[in-house]
Full PDB file with SEQRES, HELIX, SHEET, SSBOND, CRYST1, ORIGX, SCALE, CONECT and MASTER records, all heavy atoms in Angstrom:
SEQRES   1 A   33  PHE ARG ARG ALA ARG ILE GLN PRO GLY THR PRO THR THR          
SEQRES   2 A   33  ALA SER VAL LYS ASP GLY LYS LEU ILE LEU SER LEU SER          
SEQRES   3 A   33  GLY ASN PRO TYR ALA ALA ILE                                  
HELIX    1 AA1 PRO A   29  ALA A   32  1                                   4    
SHEET    1 AA1 2 THR A  13  LYS A  17  0                                        
SHEET    2 AA1 2 LYS A  20  SER A  24 -1                                        
CRYST1    1.000    1.000    1.000  90.00  90.00  90.00 P 1           1          
ORIGX1      1.000000  0.000000  0.000000        0.00000                         
ORIGX2      0.000000  1.000000  0.000000        0.00000                         
ORIGX3      0.000000  0.000000  1.000000        0.00000                         
SCALE1      1.000000  0.000000  0.000000        0.00000                         
SCALE2      0.000000  1.000000  0.000000        0.00000                         
SCALE3      0.000000  0.000000  1.000000        0.00000                         
ATOM      1  N   PHE A   1       5.479   4.483  -5.013  1.00  0.00           N  
ATOM      2  CA  PHE A   1       4.784   3.699  -5.968  1.00  0.00           C  
ATOM      3  C   PHE A   1       3.231   3.735  -5.620  1.00  0.00           C  
ATOM      4  O   PHE A   1       2.917   4.033  -4.501  1.00  0.00           O  
ATOM      5  CB  PHE A   1       5.233   2.237  -6.038  1.00  0.00           C  
ATOM      6  CG  PHE A   1       5.064   1.382  -4.783  1.00  0.00           C  
ATOM      7  CD1 PHE A   1       3.936   0.764  -4.550  1.00  0.00           C  
ATOM      8  CD2 PHE A   1       6.159   1.279  -3.892  1.00  0.00           C  
ATOM      9  CE1 PHE A   1       3.743  -0.019  -3.379  1.00  0.00           C  
ATOM     10  CE2 PHE A   1       5.970   0.542  -2.755  1.00  0.00           C  
ATOM     11  CZ  PHE A   1       4.839  -0.123  -2.479  1.00  0.00           C  
ATOM     12  N   ARG A   2       2.440   3.491  -6.614  1.00  0.00           N  
ATOM     13  CA  ARG A   2       1.047   3.347  -6.414  1.00  0.00           C  
ATOM     14  C   ARG A   2       0.516   2.296  -7.354  1.00  0.00           C  
ATOM     15  O   ARG A   2       0.607   2.453  -8.551  1.00  0.00           O  
ATOM     16  CB  ARG A   2       0.356   4.671  -6.676  1.00  0.00           C  
ATOM     17  CG  ARG A   2      -1.139   4.608  -6.293  1.00  0.00           C  
ATOM     18  CD  ARG A   2      -1.901   5.924  -6.432  1.00  0.00           C  
ATOM     19  NE  ARG A   2      -3.250   5.660  -6.121  1.00  0.00           N  
ATOM     20  CZ  ARG A   2      -4.265   6.455  -6.479  1.00  0.00           C  
ATOM     21  NH1 ARG A   2      -4.091   7.386  -7.315  1.00  0.00           N  
ATOM     22  NH2 ARG A   2      -5.525   6.135  -6.115  1.00  0.00           N  
ATOM     23  N   ARG A   3       0.008   1.193  -6.798  1.00  0.00           N  
ATOM     24  CA  ARG A   3      -0.418   0.024  -7.517  1.00  0.00           C  
ATOM     25  C   ARG A   3       0.763  -0.878  -7.886  1.00  0.00           C  
ATOM     26  O   ARG A   3       1.704  -0.477  -8.379  1.00  0.00           O  
ATOM     27  CB  ARG A   3      -1.221   0.409  -8.835  1.00  0.00           C  
ATOM     28  CG  ARG A   3      -2.465   1.316  -8.553  1.00  0.00           C  
ATOM     29  CD  ARG A   3      -3.191   1.679  -9.786  1.00  0.00           C  
ATOM     30  NE  ARG A   3      -3.603   0.446 -10.487  1.00  0.00           N  
ATOM     31  CZ  ARG A   3      -4.760  -0.184 -10.287  1.00  0.00           C  
ATOM     32  NH1 ARG A   3      -5.601   0.193  -9.299  1.00  0.00           N  
ATOM     33  NH2 ARG A   3      -5.121  -1.155 -11.039  1.00  0.00           N  
ATOM     34  N   ALA A   4       0.538  -2.174  -7.550  1.00  0.00           N  
ATOM     35  CA  ALA A   4       1.478  -3.231  -7.891  1.00  0.00           C  
ATOM     36  C   ALA A   4       0.787  -4.420  -8.516  1.00  0.00           C  
ATOM     37  O   ALA A   4      -0.422  -4.468  -8.435  1.00  0.00           O  
ATOM     38  CB  ALA A   4       2.191  -3.602  -6.569  1.00  0.00           C  
ATOM     39  N   ARG A   5       1.595  -5.223  -9.118  1.00  0.00           N  
ATOM     40  CA  ARG A   5       1.039  -6.297  -9.853  1.00  0.00           C  
ATOM     41  C   ARG A   5       0.765  -7.490  -8.870  1.00  0.00           C  
ATOM     42  O   ARG A   5       1.537  -8.451  -8.759  1.00  0.00           O  
ATOM     43  CB  ARG A   5       1.984  -6.827 -10.982  1.00  0.00           C  
ATOM     44  CG  ARG A   5       1.365  -7.694 -12.003  1.00  0.00           C  
ATOM     45  CD  ARG A   5       2.429  -8.281 -12.965  1.00  0.00           C  
ATOM     46  NE  ARG A   5       3.237  -7.222 -13.572  1.00  0.00           N  
ATOM     47  CZ  ARG A   5       2.918  -6.561 -14.610  1.00  0.00           C  
ATOM     48  NH1 ARG A   5       1.832  -6.759 -15.255  1.00  0.00           N  
ATOM     49  NH2 ARG A   5       3.721  -5.600 -15.083  1.00  0.00           N  
ATOM     50  N   ILE A   6      -0.315  -7.371  -8.113  1.00  0.00           N  
ATOM     51  CA  ILE A   6      -0.629  -8.327  -7.070  1.00  0.00           C  
ATOM     52  C   ILE A   6      -2.084  -8.309  -6.820  1.00  0.00           C  
ATOM     53  O   ILE A   6      -2.730  -7.265  -6.845  1.00  0.00           O  
ATOM     54  CB  ILE A   6       0.171  -8.078  -5.788  1.00  0.00           C  
ATOM     55  CG1 ILE A   6      -0.248  -9.016  -4.674  1.00  0.00           C  
ATOM     56  CG2 ILE A   6      -0.007  -6.573  -5.345  1.00  0.00           C  
ATOM     57  CD1 ILE A   6       0.517  -8.857  -3.407  1.00  0.00           C  
ATOM     58  N   GLN A   7      -2.715  -9.477  -6.510  1.00  0.00           N  
ATOM     59  CA  GLN A   7      -4.018  -9.594  -5.984  1.00  0.00           C  
ATOM     60  C   GLN A   7      -3.953 -10.458  -4.689  1.00  0.00           C  
ATOM     61  O   GLN A   7      -3.251 -11.492  -4.721  1.00  0.00           O  
ATOM     62  CB  GLN A   7      -4.996 -10.228  -6.946  1.00  0.00           C  
ATOM     63  CG  GLN A   7      -5.367  -9.248  -8.059  1.00  0.00           C  
ATOM     64  CD  GLN A   7      -6.414  -9.934  -9.013  1.00  0.00           C  
ATOM     65  OE1 GLN A   7      -6.392 -11.110  -9.184  1.00  0.00           O  
ATOM     66  NE2 GLN A   7      -7.289  -9.115  -9.613  1.00  0.00           N  
ATOM     67  N   PRO A   8      -4.576 -10.017  -3.599  1.00  0.00           N  
ATOM     68  CA  PRO A   8      -5.295  -8.733  -3.440  1.00  0.00           C  
ATOM     69  C   PRO A   8      -4.414  -7.605  -3.115  1.00  0.00           C  
ATOM     70  O   PRO A   8      -3.213  -7.835  -2.752  1.00  0.00           O  
ATOM     71  CB  PRO A   8      -6.207  -9.158  -2.326  1.00  0.00           C  
ATOM     72  CG  PRO A   8      -5.439 -10.031  -1.462  1.00  0.00           C  
ATOM     73  CD  PRO A   8      -4.601 -10.852  -2.418  1.00  0.00           C  
ATOM     74  N   GLY A   9      -4.917  -6.430  -3.136  1.00  0.00           N  
ATOM     75  CA  GLY A   9      -4.163  -5.269  -2.674  1.00  0.00           C  
ATOM     76  C   GLY A   9      -3.487  -4.514  -3.779  1.00  0.00           C  
ATOM     77  O   GLY A   9      -2.489  -3.763  -3.503  1.00  0.00           O  
ATOM     78  N   THR A  10      -3.906  -4.593  -4.971  1.00  0.00           N  
ATOM     79  CA  THR A  10      -3.290  -3.969  -6.162  1.00  0.00           C  
ATOM     80  C   THR A  10      -2.986  -2.415  -5.853  1.00  0.00           C  
ATOM     81  O   THR A  10      -2.018  -1.875  -6.199  1.00  0.00           O  
ATOM     82  CB  THR A  10      -4.126  -4.107  -7.369  1.00  0.00           C  
ATOM     83  OG1 THR A  10      -4.310  -5.460  -7.672  1.00  0.00           O  
ATOM     84  CG2 THR A  10      -3.448  -3.517  -8.654  1.00  0.00           C  
ATOM     85  N   PRO A  11      -4.003  -1.682  -5.203  1.00  0.00           N  
ATOM     86  CA  PRO A  11      -3.796  -0.230  -5.086  1.00  0.00           C  
ATOM     87  C   PRO A  11      -2.785   0.178  -3.929  1.00  0.00           C  
ATOM     88  O   PRO A  11      -2.650   1.392  -3.715  1.00  0.00           O  
ATOM     89  CB  PRO A  11      -5.191   0.317  -4.676  1.00  0.00           C  
ATOM     90  CG  PRO A  11      -6.153  -0.787  -4.991  1.00  0.00           C  
ATOM     91  CD  PRO A  11      -5.337  -2.125  -4.848  1.00  0.00           C  
ATOM     92  N   THR A  12      -2.181  -0.770  -3.242  1.00  0.00           N  
ATOM     93  CA  THR A  12      -1.195  -0.428  -2.221  1.00  0.00           C  
ATOM     94  C   THR A  12      -0.259   0.677  -2.664  1.00  0.00           C  
ATOM     95  O   THR A  12       0.293   0.639  -3.812  1.00  0.00           O  
ATOM     96  CB  THR A  12      -0.405  -1.660  -1.758  1.00  0.00           C  
ATOM     97  OG1 THR A  12      -1.322  -2.630  -1.211  1.00  0.00           O  
ATOM     98  CG2 THR A  12       0.644  -1.306  -0.708  1.00  0.00           C  
ATOM     99  N   THR A  13      -0.087   1.684  -1.781  1.00  0.00           N  
ATOM    100  CA  THR A  13       0.671   2.888  -2.146  1.00  0.00           C  
ATOM    101  C   THR A  13       1.758   3.075  -1.094  1.00  0.00           C  
ATOM    102  O   THR A  13       1.486   2.794   0.069  1.00  0.00           O  
ATOM    103  CB  THR A  13      -0.231   4.115  -2.251  1.00  0.00           C  
ATOM    104  OG1 THR A  13      -1.167   3.847  -3.251  1.00  0.00           O  
ATOM    105  CG2 THR A  13       0.542   5.380  -2.505  1.00  0.00           C  
ATOM    106  N   ALA A  14       2.903   3.540  -1.541  1.00  0.00           N  
ATOM    107  CA  ALA A  14       3.960   3.902  -0.584  1.00  0.00           C  
ATOM    108  C   ALA A  14       4.497   5.320  -0.859  1.00  0.00           C  
ATOM    109  O   ALA A  14       4.586   5.693  -1.987  1.00  0.00           O  
ATOM    110  CB  ALA A  14       5.101   2.851  -0.638  1.00  0.00           C  
ATOM    111  N   SER A  15       4.784   5.987   0.176  1.00  0.00           N  
ATOM    112  CA  SER A  15       5.232   7.375   0.054  1.00  0.00           C  
ATOM    113  C   SER A  15       6.249   7.680   1.193  1.00  0.00           C  
ATOM    114  O   SER A  15       6.333   6.963   2.210  1.00  0.00           O  
ATOM    115  CB  SER A  15       4.138   8.339   0.059  1.00  0.00           C  
ATOM    116  OG  SER A  15       3.315   8.176   1.222  1.00  0.00           O  
ATOM    117  N   VAL A  16       6.874   8.814   1.045  1.00  0.00           N  
ATOM    118  CA  VAL A  16       7.872   9.225   2.047  1.00  0.00           C  
ATOM    119  C   VAL A  16       7.652  10.762   2.377  1.00  0.00           C  
ATOM    120  O   VAL A  16       7.406  11.572   1.566  1.00  0.00           O  
ATOM    121  CB  VAL A  16       9.266   9.146   1.538  1.00  0.00           C  
ATOM    122  CG1 VAL A  16      10.346   9.713   2.536  1.00  0.00           C  
ATOM    123  CG2 VAL A  16       9.638   7.687   1.139  1.00  0.00           C  
ATOM    124  N   LYS A  17       7.589  10.984   3.658  1.00  0.00           N  
ATOM    125  CA  LYS A  17       7.507  12.414   4.127  1.00  0.00           C  
ATOM    126  C   LYS A  17       8.509  12.621   5.281  1.00  0.00           C  
ATOM    127  O   LYS A  17       8.503  11.857   6.265  1.00  0.00           O  
ATOM    128  CB  LYS A  17       6.086  12.711   4.627  1.00  0.00           C  
ATOM    129  CG  LYS A  17       5.869  13.994   5.284  1.00  0.00           C  
ATOM    130  CD  LYS A  17       6.130  15.233   4.376  1.00  0.00           C  
ATOM    131  CE  LYS A  17       5.836  16.550   5.051  1.00  0.00           C  
ATOM    132  NZ  LYS A  17       6.159  17.711   4.179  1.00  0.00           N  
ATOM    133  N   ASP A  18       9.361  13.581   5.136  1.00  0.00           N  
ATOM    134  CA  ASP A  18      10.420  13.872   6.097  1.00  0.00           C  
ATOM    135  C   ASP A  18      11.213  12.679   6.496  1.00  0.00           C  
ATOM    136  O   ASP A  18      11.539  12.434   7.682  1.00  0.00           O  
ATOM    137  CB  ASP A  18       9.765  14.461   7.389  1.00  0.00           C  
ATOM    138  CG  ASP A  18       9.066  15.818   7.043  1.00  0.00           C  
ATOM    139  OD1 ASP A  18       9.434  16.571   6.118  1.00  0.00           O  
ATOM    140  OD2 ASP A  18       8.063  16.131   7.820  1.00  0.00           O  
ATOM    141  N   GLY A  19      11.590  11.793   5.454  1.00  0.00           N  
ATOM    142  CA  GLY A  19      12.413  10.693   5.710  1.00  0.00           C  
ATOM    143  C   GLY A  19      11.707   9.526   6.300  1.00  0.00           C  
ATOM    144  O   GLY A  19      12.348   8.485   6.574  1.00  0.00           O  
ATOM    145  N   LYS A  20      10.340   9.620   6.487  1.00  0.00           N  
ATOM    146  CA  LYS A  20       9.652   8.526   7.138  1.00  0.00           C  
ATOM    147  C   LYS A  20       8.701   7.881   6.059  1.00  0.00           C  
ATOM    148  O   LYS A  20       8.009   8.630   5.304  1.00  0.00           O  
ATOM    149  CB  LYS A  20       8.869   9.018   8.320  1.00  0.00           C  
ATOM    150  CG  LYS A  20       9.727   9.465   9.481  1.00  0.00           C  
ATOM    151  CD  LYS A  20       8.874   9.919  10.627  1.00  0.00           C  
ATOM    152  CE  LYS A  20       9.837  10.459  11.799  1.00  0.00           C  
ATOM    153  NZ  LYS A  20       8.999  10.881  12.918  1.00  0.00           N  
ATOM    154  N   LEU A  21       8.603   6.593   6.058  1.00  0.00           N  
ATOM    155  CA  LEU A  21       7.807   5.885   5.101  1.00  0.00           C  
ATOM    156  C   LEU A  21       6.277   5.894   5.562  1.00  0.00           C  
ATOM    157  O   LEU A  21       6.011   5.722   6.759  1.00  0.00           O  
ATOM    158  CB  LEU A  21       8.243   4.391   4.975  1.00  0.00           C  
ATOM    159  CG  LEU A  21       9.510   4.163   4.229  1.00  0.00           C  
ATOM    160  CD1 LEU A  21       9.822   2.612   4.221  1.00  0.00           C  
ATOM    161  CD2 LEU A  21       9.481   4.652   2.765  1.00  0.00           C  
ATOM    162  N   ILE A  22       5.406   6.050   4.569  1.00  0.00           N  
ATOM    163  CA  ILE A  22       3.955   5.846   4.819  1.00  0.00           C  
ATOM    164  C   ILE A  22       3.615   4.742   3.900  1.00  0.00           C  
ATOM    165  O   ILE A  22       3.678   4.802   2.601  1.00  0.00           O  
ATOM    166  CB  ILE A  22       3.235   7.116   4.498  1.00  0.00           C  
ATOM    167  CG1 ILE A  22       3.702   8.272   5.276  1.00  0.00           C  
ATOM    168  CG2 ILE A  22       1.717   6.877   4.744  1.00  0.00           C  
ATOM    169  CD1 ILE A  22       3.129   9.628   4.845  1.00  0.00           C  
ATOM    170  N   LEU A  23       3.123   3.587   4.483  1.00  0.00           N  
ATOM    171  CA  LEU A  23       2.669   2.488   3.689  1.00  0.00           C  
ATOM    172  C   LEU A  23       1.146   2.462   3.797  1.00  0.00           C  
ATOM    173  O   LEU A  23       0.512   2.241   4.854  1.00  0.00           O  
ATOM    174  CB  LEU A  23       3.260   1.145   4.294  1.00  0.00           C  
ATOM    175  CG  LEU A  23       2.926  -0.170   3.523  1.00  0.00           C  
ATOM    176  CD1 LEU A  23       3.431  -0.122   2.102  1.00  0.00           C  
ATOM    177  CD2 LEU A  23       3.525  -1.307   4.303  1.00  0.00           C  
ATOM    178  N   SER A  24       0.477   2.634   2.642  1.00  0.00           N  
ATOM    179  CA  SER A  24      -0.970   2.780   2.611  1.00  0.00           C  
ATOM    180  C   SER A  24      -1.626   1.474   1.981  1.00  0.00           C  
ATOM    181  O   SER A  24      -1.367   1.190   0.800  1.00  0.00           O  
ATOM    182  CB  SER A  24      -1.408   4.033   1.781  1.00  0.00           C  
ATOM    183  OG  SER A  24      -0.885   5.152   2.383  1.00  0.00           O  
ATOM    184  N   LEU A  25      -2.303   0.753   2.863  1.00  0.00           N  
ATOM    185  CA  LEU A  25      -2.893  -0.524   2.497  1.00  0.00           C  
ATOM    186  C   LEU A  25      -4.341  -0.439   2.170  1.00  0.00           C  
ATOM    187  O   LEU A  25      -4.965   0.485   2.553  1.00  0.00           O  
ATOM    188  CB  LEU A  25      -2.585  -1.530   3.621  1.00  0.00           C  
ATOM    189  CG  LEU A  25      -1.166  -1.674   4.129  1.00  0.00           C  
ATOM    190  CD1 LEU A  25      -1.131  -2.611   5.362  1.00  0.00           C  
ATOM    191  CD2 LEU A  25      -0.232  -2.233   3.085  1.00  0.00           C  
ATOM    192  N   SER A  26      -4.871  -1.495   1.556  1.00  0.00           N  
ATOM    193  CA  SER A  26      -6.258  -1.584   1.275  1.00  0.00           C  
ATOM    194  C   SER A  26      -7.011  -1.659   2.617  1.00  0.00           C  
ATOM    195  O   SER A  26      -6.536  -2.108   3.629  1.00  0.00           O  
ATOM    196  CB  SER A  26      -6.532  -2.883   0.528  1.00  0.00           C  
ATOM    197  OG  SER A  26      -7.934  -3.176   0.454  1.00  0.00           O  
ATOM    198  N   GLY A  27      -8.263  -1.242   2.583  1.00  0.00           N  
ATOM    199  CA  GLY A  27      -9.165  -1.354   3.753  1.00  0.00           C  
ATOM    200  C   GLY A  27      -9.760  -2.775   3.958  1.00  0.00           C  
ATOM    201  O   GLY A  27     -10.299  -3.092   4.956  1.00  0.00           O  
ATOM    202  N   ASN A  28      -9.641  -3.549   2.870  1.00  0.00           N  
ATOM    203  CA  ASN A  28     -10.108  -5.077   3.002  1.00  0.00           C  
ATOM    204  C   ASN A  28      -9.110  -5.753   3.920  1.00  0.00           C  
ATOM    205  O   ASN A  28      -7.930  -5.806   3.623  1.00  0.00           O  
ATOM    206  CB  ASN A  28     -10.224  -5.669   1.655  1.00  0.00           C  
ATOM    207  CG  ASN A  28     -11.481  -5.264   0.960  1.00  0.00           C  
ATOM    208  OD1 ASN A  28     -12.562  -5.133   1.515  1.00  0.00           O  
ATOM    209  ND2 ASN A  28     -11.390  -4.939  -0.346  1.00  0.00           N  
ATOM    210  N   PRO A  29      -9.600  -6.443   4.984  1.00  0.00           N  
ATOM    211  CA  PRO A  29      -8.650  -6.992   5.953  1.00  0.00           C  
ATOM    212  C   PRO A  29      -7.665  -7.963   5.357  1.00  0.00           C  
ATOM    213  O   PRO A  29      -6.440  -7.896   5.595  1.00  0.00           O  
ATOM    214  CB  PRO A  29      -9.588  -7.757   6.942  1.00  0.00           C  
ATOM    215  CG  PRO A  29     -10.873  -6.972   6.865  1.00  0.00           C  
ATOM    216  CD  PRO A  29     -10.969  -6.530   5.418  1.00  0.00           C  
ATOM    217  N   TYR A  30      -8.088  -8.911   4.431  1.00  0.00           N  
ATOM    218  CA  TYR A  30      -7.165  -9.869   3.951  1.00  0.00           C  
ATOM    219  C   TYR A  30      -6.100  -9.192   3.035  1.00  0.00           C  
ATOM    220  O   TYR A  30      -4.974  -9.513   3.060  1.00  0.00           O  
ATOM    221  CB  TYR A  30      -7.929 -11.015   3.111  1.00  0.00           C  
ATOM    222  CG  TYR A  30      -6.957 -12.053   2.577  1.00  0.00           C  
ATOM    223  CD1 TYR A  30      -6.194 -12.881   3.383  1.00  0.00           C  
ATOM    224  CD2 TYR A  30      -6.752 -12.128   1.202  1.00  0.00           C  
ATOM    225  CE1 TYR A  30      -5.395 -13.845   2.876  1.00  0.00           C  
ATOM    226  CE2 TYR A  30      -5.860 -13.062   0.676  1.00  0.00           C  
ATOM    227  CZ  TYR A  30      -5.167 -13.887   1.511  1.00  0.00           C  
ATOM    228  OH  TYR A  30      -4.306 -14.839   1.025  1.00  0.00           O  
ATOM    229  N   ALA A  31      -6.610  -8.286   2.167  1.00  0.00           N  
ATOM    230  CA  ALA A  31      -5.625  -7.578   1.315  1.00  0.00           C  
ATOM    231  C   ALA A  31      -4.593  -6.783   2.127  1.00  0.00           C  
ATOM    232  O   ALA A  31      -3.458  -6.717   1.794  1.00  0.00           O  
ATOM    233  CB  ALA A  31      -6.441  -6.650   0.426  1.00  0.00           C  
ATOM    234  N   ALA A  32      -5.111  -6.170   3.191  1.00  0.00           N  
ATOM    235  CA  ALA A  32      -4.207  -5.401   4.071  1.00  0.00           C  
ATOM    236  C   ALA A  32      -3.140  -6.351   4.723  1.00  0.00           C  
ATOM    237  O   ALA A  32      -1.985  -6.104   4.797  1.00  0.00           O  
ATOM    238  CB  ALA A  32      -4.973  -4.705   5.175  1.00  0.00           C  
ATOM    239  N   ILE A  33      -3.613  -7.550   5.161  1.00  0.00           N  
ATOM    240  CA  ILE A  33      -2.664  -8.507   5.801  1.00  0.00           C  
ATOM    241  C   ILE A  33      -1.636  -8.971   4.803  1.00  0.00           C  
ATOM    242  O   ILE A  33      -0.430  -8.996   5.078  1.00  0.00           O  
ATOM    243  CB  ILE A  33      -3.477  -9.758   6.315  1.00  0.00           C  
ATOM    244  CG1 ILE A  33      -4.349  -9.317   7.562  1.00  0.00           C  
ATOM    245  CG2 ILE A  33      -2.505 -10.864   6.697  1.00  0.00           C  
ATOM    246  CD1 ILE A  33      -5.362 -10.389   7.968  1.00  0.00           C  
TER     247      ILE A  33                                                      
MASTER        0    0    0    1    2    0    0    6  246    1    0    3          
END                                                                             
């Protein structure tokens, strides 16, 4: 997925490579938390 219905951190993205999750968070600290 890319982008979720949430503030902050709407652009959060998740992907999978070789069976391992990559969770990509915002660079803004509070949104990342």
